[in-house]
C-alpha cells in the first residue's frame, strides 16, 4: 500500500484590478443593505428609484473595467507569442471593434 502525497495548492496572486472590483462589490452590497434597512425602517418605497440604478451603474462599470483591462493584457500576451499569426489577430480585433465580436 502506497501513500500518495497531496500536491500543494498554488494560490493565484490577485492583481490590483481584481482587488478593486472585489472592494467595489463589497461596497455595493453594503450600500444595498443600508438601503434595505432604511426602506423597511421608514416605510419608504422611493429609495429604490435611487439605490438600484446607482448600484447597478457602479457595479457594471467596475466589472466592465476589469474585463476591458484583462482583455488588453491578454492581447499583449497573445501578440508576444511567436506562434500566433499577427494578421489573424489584427483581423479579429478589427471585426470585434466594428461588429461587436461577430
PDB file of N, CA and C in Angstrom:
ATOM      1  N   UNK A   1       0.842  -1.175   0.000  1.00  0.00           N
ATOM      2  CA  UNK A   1       0.000   0.000   0.000  1.00  0.00           C
ATOM      3  C   UNK A   1       0.891   1.244   0.000  1.00  0.00           C
ATOM      4  N   UNK A   2       0.677   2.081  -0.981  1.00  0.00           N
ATOM      5  CA  UNK A   2       1.468   3.312  -1.058  1.00  0.00           C
ATOM      6  C   UNK A   2       0.615   4.495  -0.652  1.00  0.00           C
ATOM      7  N   UNK A   3       1.268   5.421  -0.036  1.00  0.00           N
ATOM      8  CA  UNK A   3       0.591   6.638   0.397  1.00  0.00           C
ATOM      9  C   UNK A   3       0.944   7.742  -0.585  1.00  0.00           C
ATOM     10  N   UNK A   4      -0.097   8.347  -1.140  1.00  0.00           N
ATOM     11  CA  UNK A   4       0.126   9.437  -2.087  1.00  0.00           C
ATOM     12  C   UNK A   4       0.171  10.756  -1.329  1.00  0.00           C
ATOM     13  N   UNK A   5       1.162  11.522  -1.667  1.00  0.00           N
ATOM     14  CA  UNK A   5       1.258  12.847  -1.068  1.00  0.00           C
ATOM     15  C   UNK A   5       0.430  13.826  -1.882  1.00  0.00           C
ATOM     16  N   UNK A   6      -0.260  14.658  -1.185  1.00  0.00           N
ATOM     17  CA  UNK A   6      -1.050  15.674  -1.875  1.00  0.00           C
ATOM     18  C   UNK A   6      -0.123  16.781  -2.347  1.00  0.00           C
ATOM     19  N   UNK A   7      -0.345  17.183  -3.566  1.00  0.00           N
ATOM     20  CA  UNK A   7       0.466  18.289  -4.078  1.00  0.00           C
ATOM     21  C   UNK A   7      -0.054  19.599  -3.478  1.00  0.00           C
ATOM     22  N   UNK A   8       0.837  20.493  -3.143  1.00  0.00           N
ATOM     23  CA  UNK A   8       0.396  21.754  -2.537  1.00  0.00           C
ATOM     24  C   UNK A   8      -0.374  22.591  -3.557  1.00  0.00           C
ATOM     25  N   UNK A   9      -1.418  23.221  -3.085  1.00  0.00           N
ATOM     26  CA  UNK A   9      -2.214  24.075  -3.954  1.00  0.00           C
ATOM     27  C   UNK A   9      -1.479  25.393  -4.176  1.00  0.00           C
ATOM     28  N   UNK A  10      -1.456  25.789  -5.408  1.00  0.00           N
ATOM     29  CA  UNK A  10      -0.806  27.053  -5.748  1.00  0.00           C
ATOM     30  C   UNK A  10      -1.881  28.129  -5.769  1.00  0.00           C
ATOM     31  N   UNK A  11      -1.710  29.113  -4.924  1.00  0.00           N
ATOM     32  CA  UNK A  11      -2.669  30.208  -4.869  1.00  0.00           C
ATOM     33  C   UNK A  11      -2.289  31.264  -5.900  1.00  0.00           C
ATOM     34  N   UNK A  12      -3.289  31.683  -6.639  1.00  0.00           N
ATOM     35  CA  UNK A  12      -3.066  32.731  -7.620  1.00  0.00           C
ATOM     36  C   UNK A  12      -3.065  34.079  -6.901  1.00  0.00           C
ATOM     37  N   UNK A  13      -2.043  34.854  -7.164  1.00  0.00           N
ATOM     38  CA  UNK A  13      -1.960  36.164  -6.549  1.00  0.00           C
ATOM     39  C   UNK A  13      -2.922  37.103  -7.270  1.00  0.00           C
ATOM     40  N   UNK A  14      -3.760  37.750  -6.505  1.00  0.00           N
ATOM     41  CA  UNK A  14      -4.738  38.658  -7.098  1.00  0.00           C
ATOM     42  C   UNK A  14      -4.066  39.966  -7.485  1.00  0.00           C
ATOM     43  N   UNK A  15      -4.457  40.458  -8.649  1.00  0.00           N
ATOM     44  CA  UNK A  15      -3.934  41.723  -9.141  1.00  0.00           C
ATOM     45  C   UNK A  15      -4.685  42.894  -8.543  1.00  0.00           C
ATOM     46  N   UNK A  16      -4.217  44.091  -8.863  1.00  0.00           N
ATOM     47  CA  UNK A  16      -4.816  45.312  -8.324  1.00  0.00           C
ATOM     48  C   UNK A  16      -6.254  45.468  -8.795  1.00  0.00           C
ATOM     49  N   UNK A  17      -6.505  45.220 -10.075  1.00  0.00           N
ATOM     50  CA  UNK A  17      -7.863  45.414 -10.593  1.00  0.00           C
ATOM     51  C   UNK A  17      -8.836  44.403  -9.989  1.00  0.00           C
ATOM     52  N   UNK A  18      -8.377  43.178  -9.744  1.00  0.00           N
ATOM     53  CA  UNK A  18      -9.247  42.189  -9.110  1.00  0.00           C
ATOM     54  C   UNK A  18      -9.589  42.604  -7.682  1.00  0.00           C
ATOM     55  N   UNK A  19      -8.615  43.133  -6.975  1.00  0.00           N
ATOM     56  CA  UNK A  19      -8.872  43.611  -5.615  1.00  0.00           C
ATOM     57  C   UNK A  19      -9.825  44.796  -5.637  1.00  0.00           C
ATOM     58  N   UNK A  20      -9.644  45.679  -6.626  1.00  0.00           N
ATOM     59  CA  UNK A  20     -10.508  46.851  -6.736  1.00  0.00           C
ATOM     60  C   UNK A  20     -11.951  46.443  -7.017  1.00  0.00           C
ATOM     61  N   UNK A  21     -12.154  45.491  -7.917  1.00  0.00           N
ATOM     62  CA  UNK A  21     -13.504  45.020  -8.217  1.00  0.00           C
ATOM     63  C   UNK A  21     -14.118  44.359  -6.987  1.00  0.00           C
ATOM     64  N   UNK A  22     -13.337  43.603  -6.243  1.00  0.00           N
ATOM     65  CA  UNK A  22     -13.836  42.970  -5.020  1.00  0.00           C
ATOM     66  C   UNK A  22     -14.269  44.009  -3.991  1.00  0.00           C
ATOM     67  N   UNK A  23     -13.483  45.055  -3.830  1.00  0.00           N
ATOM     68  CA  UNK A  23     -13.837  46.129  -2.894  1.00  0.00           C
ATOM     69  C   UNK A  23     -15.115  46.828  -3.347  1.00  0.00           C
ATOM     70  N   UNK A  24     -15.248  47.078  -4.642  1.00  0.00           N
ATOM     71  CA  UNK A  24     -16.457  47.726  -5.158  1.00  0.00           C
ATOM     72  C   UNK A  24     -17.673  46.838  -4.924  1.00  0.00           C
ATOM     73  N   UNK A  25     -17.540  45.541  -5.144  1.00  0.00           N
ATOM     74  CA  UNK A  25     -18.666  44.630  -4.916  1.00  0.00           C
ATOM     75  C   UNK A  25     -19.069  44.628  -3.447  1.00  0.00           C
ATOM     76  N   UNK A  26     -18.110  44.598  -2.554  1.00  0.00           N
ATOM     77  CA  UNK A  26     -18.408  44.640  -1.116  1.00  0.00           C
ATOM     78  C   UNK A  26     -19.087  45.958  -0.753  1.00  0.00           C
ATOM     79  N   UNK A  27     -18.597  47.056  -1.321  1.00  0.00           N
ATOM     80  CA  UNK A  27     -19.187  48.368  -1.035  1.00  0.00           C
ATOM     81  C   UNK A  27     -20.624  48.435  -1.553  1.00  0.00           C
ATOM     82  N   UNK A  28     -20.863  47.915  -2.757  1.00  0.00           N
ATOM     83  CA  UNK A  28     -22.204  47.934  -3.339  1.00  0.00           C
ATOM     84  C   UNK A  28     -23.163  47.116  -2.485  1.00  0.00           C
ATOM     85  N   UNK A  29     -22.711  45.965  -2.008  1.00  0.00           N
ATOM     86  CA  UNK A  29     -23.566  45.142  -1.151  1.00  0.00           C
ATOM     87  C   UNK A  29     -23.899  45.880   0.142  1.00  0.00           C
ATOM     88  N   UNK A  30     -22.919  46.568   0.721  1.00  0.00           N
ATOM     89  CA  UNK A  30     -23.195  47.294   1.970  1.00  0.00           C
ATOM     90  C   UNK A  30     -24.154  48.462   1.733  1.00  0.00           C
ATOM     91  N   UNK A  31     -24.019  49.163   0.615  1.00  0.00           N
ATOM     92  CA  UNK A  31     -24.947  50.257   0.307  1.00  0.00           C
ATOM     93  C   UNK A  31     -26.354  49.706   0.101  1.00  0.00           C
ATOM     94  N   UNK A  32     -26.454  48.589  -0.599  1.00  0.00           N
ATOM     95  CA  UNK A  32     -27.763  47.990  -0.835  1.00  0.00           C
ATOM     96  C   UNK A  32     -28.396  47.533   0.473  1.00  0.00           C
ATOM     97  N   UNK A  33     -27.605  46.946   1.371  1.00  0.00           N
ATOM     98  CA  UNK A  33     -28.150  46.523   2.668  1.00  0.00           C
ATOM     99  C   UNK A  33     -28.606  47.722   3.502  1.00  0.00           C
ATOM    100  N   UNK A  34     -27.848  48.795   3.464  1.00  0.00           N
ATOM    101  CA  UNK A  34     -28.265  50.009   4.186  1.00  0.00           C
ATOM    102  C   UNK A  34     -29.543  50.583   3.598  1.00  0.00           C
ATOM    103  N   UNK A  35     -29.672  50.498   2.274  1.00  0.00           N
ATOM    104  CA  UNK A  35     -30.915  50.938   1.634  1.00  0.00           C
ATOM    105  C   UNK A  35     -32.097  50.092   2.053  1.00  0.00           C
ATOM    106  N   UNK A  36     -31.878  48.780   2.142  1.00  0.00           N
ATOM    107  CA  UNK A  36     -32.941  47.892   2.631  1.00  0.00           C
ATOM    108  C   UNK A  36     -33.354  48.270   4.045  1.00  0.00           C
ATOM    109  N   UNK A  37     -32.368  48.488   4.899  1.00  0.00           N
ATOM    110  CA  UNK A  37     -32.651  48.845   6.288  1.00  0.00           C
ATOM    111  C   UNK A  37     -33.450  50.147   6.351  1.00  0.00           C
ATOM    112  N   UNK A  38     -33.008  51.158   5.594  1.00  0.00           N
ATOM    113  CA  UNK A  38     -33.687  52.451   5.600  1.00  0.00           C
ATOM    114  C   UNK A  38     -35.118  52.320   5.074  1.00  0.00           C
ATOM    115  N   UNK A  39     -35.281  51.548   3.996  1.00  0.00           N
ATOM    116  CA  UNK A  39     -36.608  51.407   3.387  1.00  0.00           C
ATOM    117  C   UNK A  39     -37.590  50.727   4.335  1.00  0.00           C
ATOM    118  N   UNK A  40     -37.144  49.681   5.026  1.00  0.00           N
ATOM    119  CA  UNK A  40     -38.060  48.982   5.923  1.00  0.00           C
ATOM    120  C   UNK A  40     -38.254  49.707   7.245  1.00  0.00           C
ATOM    121  N   UNK A  41     -37.251  50.445   7.677  1.00  0.00           N
ATOM    122  CA  UNK A  41     -37.379  51.187   8.931  1.00  0.00           C
ATOM    123  C   UNK A  41     -38.332  52.360   8.775  1.00  0.00           C
ATOM    124  N   UNK A  42     -38.213  53.077   7.670  1.00  0.00           N
ATOM    125  CA  UNK A  42     -39.015  54.288   7.463  1.00  0.00           C
ATOM    126  C   UNK A  42     -40.207  54.067   6.545  1.00  0.00           C
ATOM    127  N   UNK A  43     -40.494  52.833   6.181  1.00  0.00           N
ATOM    128  CA  UNK A  43     -41.609  52.502   5.289  1.00  0.00           C
ATOM    129  C   UNK A  43     -41.573  53.364   4.027  1.00  0.00           C
ATOM    130  N   UNK A  44     -40.410  53.419   3.421  1.00  0.00           N
ATOM    131  CA  UNK A  44     -40.206  54.242   2.238  1.00  0.00           C
ATOM    132  C   UNK A  44     -40.006  53.356   1.017  1.00  0.00           C
ATOM    133  N   UNK A  45     -40.702  53.697  -0.072  1.00  0.00           N
ATOM    134  CA  UNK A  45     -40.548  52.941  -1.311  1.00  0.00           C
ATOM    135  C   UNK A  45     -39.739  53.695  -2.356  1.00  0.00           C
ATOM    136  N   UNK A  46     -39.633  55.002  -2.222  1.00  0.00           N
ATOM    137  CA  UNK A  46     -38.968  55.776  -3.265  1.00  0.00           C
ATOM    138  C   UNK A  46     -37.443  55.677  -3.219  1.00  0.00           C
ATOM    139  N   UNK A  47     -36.868  55.053  -2.210  1.00  0.00           N
ATOM    140  CA  UNK A  47     -35.412  54.892  -2.168  1.00  0.00           C
ATOM    141  C   UNK A  47     -34.936  53.952  -3.272  1.00  0.00           C
ATOM    142  N   UNK A  48     -35.813  53.040  -3.716  1.00  0.00           N
ATOM    143  CA  UNK A  48     -35.413  52.082  -4.749  1.00  0.00           C
ATOM    144  C   UNK A  48     -35.162  52.773  -6.085  1.00  0.00           C
ATOM    145  N   UNK A  49     -35.790  53.936  -6.313  1.00  0.00           N
ATOM    146  CA  UNK A  49     -35.546  54.677  -7.554  1.00  0.00           C
ATOM    147  C   UNK A  49     -34.116  55.205  -7.618  1.00  0.00           C
ATOM    148  N   UNK A  50     -33.469  55.346  -6.476  1.00  0.00           N
ATOM    149  CA  UNK A  50     -32.098  55.859  -6.431  1.00  0.00           C
ATOM    150  C   UNK A  50     -31.070  54.748  -6.214  1.00  0.00           C
ATOM    151  N   UNK A  51     -31.395  53.800  -5.360  1.00  0.00           N
ATOM    152  CA  UNK A  51     -30.433  52.761  -4.998  1.00  0.00           C
ATOM    153  C   UNK A  51     -30.156  51.816  -6.158  1.00  0.00           C
ATOM    154  N   UNK A  52     -31.182  51.279  -6.775  1.00  0.00           N
ATOM    155  CA  UNK A  52     -30.980  50.254  -7.809  1.00  0.00           C
ATOM    156  C   UNK A  52     -30.201  50.791  -9.008  1.00  0.00           C
ATOM    157  N   UNK A  53     -30.537  51.950  -9.582  1.00  0.00           N
ATOM    158  CA  UNK A  53     -29.727  52.433 -10.705  1.00  0.00           C
ATOM    159  C   UNK A  53     -28.287  52.785 -10.303  1.00  0.00           C
ATOM    160  N   UNK A  54     -28.109  53.346  -9.127  1.00  0.00           N
ATOM    161  CA  UNK A  54     -26.762  53.714  -8.687  1.00  0.00           C
ATOM    162  C   UNK A  54     -25.903  52.483  -8.468  1.00  0.00           C
ATOM    163  N   UNK A  55     -26.439  51.503  -7.783  1.00  0.00           N
ATOM    164  CA  UNK A  55     -25.706  50.271  -7.513  1.00  0.00           C
ATOM    165  C   UNK A  55     -25.406  49.540  -8.818  1.00  0.00           C
ATOM    166  N   UNK A  56     -26.382  49.446  -9.695  1.00  0.00           N
ATOM    167  CA  UNK A  56     -26.183  48.769 -10.969  1.00  0.00           C
ATOM    168  C   UNK A  56     -25.137  49.454 -11.837  1.00  0.00           C
ATOM    169  N   UNK A  57     -25.146  50.775 -11.861  1.00  0.00           N
ATOM    170  CA  UNK A  57     -24.178  51.519 -12.670  1.00  0.00           C
ATOM    171  C   UNK A  57     -22.766  51.334 -12.145  1.00  0.00           C
ATOM    172  N   UNK A  58     -22.578  51.474 -10.863  1.00  0.00           N
ATOM    173  CA  UNK A  58     -21.243  51.350 -10.286  1.00  0.00           C
ATOM    174  C   UNK A  58     -20.714  49.924 -10.438  1.00  0.00           C
ATOM    175  N   UNK A  59     -21.553  48.951 -10.167  1.00  0.00           N
ATOM    176  CA  UNK A  59     -21.131  47.557 -10.267  1.00  0.00           C
ATOM    177  C   UNK A  59     -20.804  47.167 -11.706  1.00  0.00           C
ATOM    178  N   UNK A  60     -21.643  47.562 -12.647  1.00  0.00           N
ATOM    179  CA  UNK A  60     -21.375  47.209 -14.046  1.00  0.00           C
ATOM    180  C   UNK A  60     -20.151  47.941 -14.576  1.00  0.00           C
ATOM    181  N   UNK A  61     -19.914  49.165 -14.131  1.00  0.00           N
ATOM    182  CA  UNK A  61     -18.714  49.889 -14.561  1.00  0.00           C
ATOM    183  C   UNK A  61     -17.450  49.215 -14.025  1.00  0.00           C
ATOM    184  N   UNK A  62     -17.475  48.768 -12.790  1.00  0.00           N
ATOM    185  CA  UNK A  62     -16.304  48.109 -12.210  1.00  0.00           C
ATOM    186  C   UNK A  62     -16.013  46.785 -12.904  1.00  0.00           C
ATOM    187  N   UNK A  63     -17.035  46.001 -13.154  1.00  0.00           N
ATOM    188  CA  UNK A  63     -16.840  44.721 -13.827  1.00  0.00           C
ATOM    189  C   UNK A  63     -16.407  44.938 -15.272  1.00  0.00           C
ATOM    190  N   UNK A  64     -17.008  45.906 -15.953  1.00  0.00           N
ATOM    191  CA  UNK A  64     -16.627  46.217 -17.327  1.00  0.00           C
ATOM    192  C   UNK A  64     -15.182  46.689 -17.427  1.00  0.00           C
ATOM    193  N   UNK A  65     -14.758  47.511 -16.490  1.00  0.00           N
ATOM    194  CA  UNK A  65     -13.370  47.984 -16.471  1.00  0.00           C
ATOM    195  C   UNK A  65     -12.404  46.818 -16.281  1.00  0.00           C
ATOM    196  N   UNK A  66     -12.754  45.912 -15.392  1.00  0.00           N
ATOM    197  CA  UNK A  66     -11.889  44.747 -15.157  1.00  0.00           C
ATOM    198  C   UNK A  66     -11.795  43.869 -16.404  1.00  0.00           C
ATOM    199  N   UNK A  67     -12.917  43.627 -17.061  1.00  0.00           N
ATOM    200  CA  UNK A  67     -12.909  42.807 -18.271  1.00  0.00           C
ATOM    201  C   UNK A  67     -12.107  43.482 -19.372  1.00  0.00           C
ATOM    202  N   UNK A  68     -12.271  44.795 -19.538  1.00  0.00           N
ATOM    203  CA  UNK A  68     -11.541  45.531 -20.564  1.00  0.00           C
ATOM    204  C   UNK A  68     -10.037  45.483 -20.303  1.00  0.00           C
ATOM    205  N   UNK A  69      -9.651  45.668 -19.054  1.00  0.00           N
ATOM    206  CA  UNK A  69      -8.230  45.643 -18.695  1.00  0.00           C
ATOM    207  C   UNK A  69      -7.637  44.254 -18.903  1.00  0.00           C
ATOM    208  N   UNK A  70      -8.355  43.225 -18.526  1.00  0.00           N
ATOM    209  CA  UNK A  70      -7.880  41.859 -18.704  1.00  0.00           C
ATOM    210  C   UNK A  70      -7.731  41.523 -20.187  1.00  0.00           C
ATOM    211  N   UNK A  71      -8.676  41.966 -20.998  1.00  0.00           N
ATOM    212  CA  UNK A  71      -8.593  41.712 -22.431  1.00  0.00           C
ATOM    213  C   UNK A  71      -7.387  42.427 -23.034  1.00  0.00           C
ATOM    214  N   UNK A  72      -7.150  43.663 -22.609  1.00  0.00           N
ATOM    215  CA  UNK A  72      -5.997  44.399 -23.121  1.00  0.00           C
ATOM    216  C   UNK A  72      -4.683  43.708 -22.748  1.00  0.00           C
ATOM    217  N   UNK A  73      -4.608  43.180 -21.539  1.00  0.00           N
ATOM    218  CA  UNK A  73      -3.402  42.460 -21.125  1.00  0.00           C
ATOM    219  C   UNK A  73      -3.228  41.171 -21.925  1.00  0.00           C
ATOM    220  N   UNK A  74      -4.329  40.483 -22.207  1.00  0.00           N
ATOM    221  CA  UNK A  74      -4.246  39.245 -22.972  1.00  0.00           C
ATOM    222  C   UNK A  74      -3.852  39.482 -24.420  1.00  0.00           C
ATOM    223  N   UNK A  75      -4.280  40.603 -24.999  1.00  0.00           N
ATOM    224  CA  UNK A  75      -3.880  40.925 -26.371  1.00  0.00           C
ATOM    225  C   UNK A  75      -2.369  41.098 -26.442  1.00  0.00           C
ATOM    226  N   UNK A  76      -1.792  41.729 -25.447  1.00  0.00           N
ATOM    227  CA  UNK A  76      -0.336  41.915 -25.412  1.00  0.00           C
ATOM    228  C   UNK A  76       0.360  40.559 -25.305  1.00  0.00           C
ATOM    229  N   UNK A  77      -0.156  39.673 -24.445  1.00  0.00           N
ATOM    230  CA  UNK A  77       0.445  38.345 -24.292  1.00  0.00           C
ATOM    231  C   UNK A  77       0.337  37.532 -25.581  1.00  0.00           C
ATOM    232  N   UNK A  78      -0.817  37.616 -26.237  1.00  0.00           N
ATOM    233  CA  UNK A  78      -1.009  36.862 -27.471  1.00  0.00           C
ATOM    234  C   UNK A  78      -0.097  37.384 -28.567  1.00  0.00           C
ATOM    235  N   UNK A  79       0.018  38.701 -28.684  1.00  0.00           N
ATOM    236  CA  UNK A  79       0.862  39.264 -29.739  1.00  0.00           C
ATOM    237  C   UNK A  79       2.337  38.975 -29.494  1.00  0.00           C
ATOM    238  N   UNK A  80       2.736  38.747 -28.255  1.00  0.00           N
ATOM    239  CA  UNK A  80       4.125  38.420 -27.942  1.00  0.00           C
ATOM    240  C   UNK A  80       4.448  36.957 -28.240  1.00  0.00           C
ATOM    241  N   UNK A  81       3.432  36.145 -28.468  1.00  0.00           N
ATOM    242  CA  UNK A  81       3.639  34.735 -28.777  1.00  0.00           C
ATOM    243  C   UNK A  81       4.130  34.596 -30.218  1.00  0.00           C
ATOM    244  N   UNK A  82       5.305  34.010 -30.453  1.00  0.00           N
ATOM    245  CA  UNK A  82       5.829  33.920 -31.822  1.00  0.00           C
ATOM    246  C   UNK A  82       5.042  32.958 -32.714  1.00  0.00           C
ATOM    247  N   UNK A  83       4.258  32.074 -32.124  1.00  0.00           N
ATOM    248  CA  UNK A  83       3.498  31.113 -32.916  1.00  0.00           C
ATOM    249  C   UNK A  83       2.142  31.650 -33.370  1.00  0.00           C
ATOM    250  N   UNK A  84       1.753  32.794 -32.848  1.00  0.00           N
ATOM    251  CA  UNK A  84       0.442  33.340 -33.182  1.00  0.00           C
ATOM    252  C   UNK A  84       0.539  34.176 -34.448  1.00  0.00           C
ATOM    253  N   UNK A  85      -0.444  34.066 -35.305  1.00  0.00           N
ATOM    254  CA  UNK A  85      -0.464  34.797 -36.561  1.00  0.00           C
ATOM    255  C   UNK A  85      -0.911  36.238 -36.300  1.00  0.00           C
ATOM    256  N   UNK A  86      -0.042  37.197 -36.571  1.00  0.00           N
ATOM    257  CA  UNK A  86      -0.330  38.607 -36.297  1.00  0.00           C
ATOM    258  C   UNK A  86      -1.461  39.121 -37.180  1.00  0.00           C
ATOM    259  N   UNK A  87      -1.499  38.668 -38.421  1.00  0.00           N
ATOM    260  CA  UNK A  87      -2.562  39.124 -39.322  1.00  0.00           C
ATOM    261  C   UNK A  87      -3.925  38.634 -38.844  1.00  0.00           C
ATOM    262  N   UNK A  88      -3.967  37.415 -38.344  1.00  0.00           N
ATOM    263  CA  UNK A  88      -5.214  36.865 -37.820  1.00  0.00           C
ATOM    264  C   UNK A  88      -5.680  37.680 -36.610  1.00  0.00           C
ATOM    265  N   UNK A  89      -4.743  38.059 -35.746  1.00  0.00           N
ATOM    266  CA  UNK A  89      -5.099  38.846 -34.570  1.00  0.00           C
ATOM    267  C   UNK A  89      -5.620  40.224 -34.976  1.00  0.00           C
ATOM    268  N   UNK A  90      -4.966  40.872 -35.936  1.00  0.00           N
ATOM    269  CA  UNK A  90      -5.416  42.196 -36.386  1.00  0.00           C
ATOM    270  C   UNK A  90      -6.817  42.113 -36.979  1.00  0.00           C
ATOM    271  N   UNK A  91      -7.061  41.104 -37.777  1.00  0.00           N
ATOM    272  CA  UNK A  91      -8.377  40.932 -38.399  1.00  0.00           C
ATOM    273  C   UNK A  91      -9.446  40.661 -37.348  1.00  0.00           C
ATOM    274  N   UNK A  92      -9.118  39.845 -36.354  1.00  0.00           N
ATOM    275  CA  UNK A  92     -10.071  39.525 -35.297  1.00  0.00           C
ATOM    276  C   UNK A  92     -10.394  40.768 -34.464  1.00  0.00           C
ATOM    277  N   UNK A  93      -9.379  41.548 -34.106  1.00  0.00           N
ATOM    278  CA  UNK A  93      -9.621  42.773 -33.334  1.00  0.00           C
ATOM    279  C   UNK A  93     -10.430  43.784 -34.138  1.00  0.00           C
ATOM    280  N   UNK A  94     -10.148  43.880 -35.434  1.00  0.00           N
ATOM    281  CA  UNK A  94     -10.896  44.794 -36.299  1.00  0.00           C
ATOM    282  C   UNK A  94     -12.365  44.399 -36.347  1.00  0.00           C
ATOM    283  N   UNK A  95     -12.632  43.096 -36.484  1.00  0.00           N
ATOM    284  CA  UNK A  95     -14.011  42.622 -36.507  1.00  0.00           C
ATOM    285  C   UNK A  95     -14.719  42.870 -35.188  1.00  0.00           C
ATOM    286  N   UNK A  96     -14.012  42.688 -34.091  1.00  0.00           N
ATOM    287  CA  UNK A  96     -14.622  42.916 -32.778  1.00  0.00           C
ATOM    288  C   UNK A  96     -14.963  44.389 -32.592  1.00  0.00           C
ATOM    289  N   UNK A  97     -14.099  45.267 -33.048  1.00  0.00           N
ATOM    290  CA  UNK A  97     -14.346  46.703 -32.889  1.00  0.00           C
ATOM    291  C   UNK A  97     -15.494  47.162 -33.798  1.00  0.00           C
ATOM    292  N   UNK A  98     -15.547  46.625 -35.021  1.00  0.00           N
ATOM    293  CA  UNK A  98     -16.562  47.075 -35.975  1.00  0.00           C
ATOM    294  C   UNK A  98     -17.916  46.418 -35.757  1.00  0.00           C
ATOM    295  N   UNK A  99     -17.931  45.134 -35.456  1.00  0.00           N
ATOM    296  CA  UNK A  99     -19.183  44.395 -35.422  1.00  0.00           C
ATOM    297  C   UNK A  99     -19.536  43.858 -34.048  1.00  0.00           C
ATOM    298  N   UNK A 100     -18.760  44.164 -33.053  1.00  0.00           N
ATOM    299  CA  UNK A 100     -19.085  43.719 -31.702  1.00  0.00           C
ATOM    300  C   UNK A 100     -18.826  42.258 -31.449  1.00  0.00           C
ATOM    301  N   UNK A 101     -17.774  41.712 -32.043  1.00  0.00           N
ATOM    302  CA  UNK A 101     -17.377  40.337 -31.755  1.00  0.00           C
ATOM    303  C   UNK A 101     -17.975  39.295 -32.656  1.00  0.00           C
ATOM    304  N   UNK A 102     -18.535  39.697 -33.794  1.00  0.00           N
ATOM    305  CA  UNK A 102     -19.116  38.714 -34.722  1.00  0.00           C
ATOM    306  C   UNK A 102     -18.028  37.959 -35.429  1.00  0.00           C
TER     307      UNK A 102
END
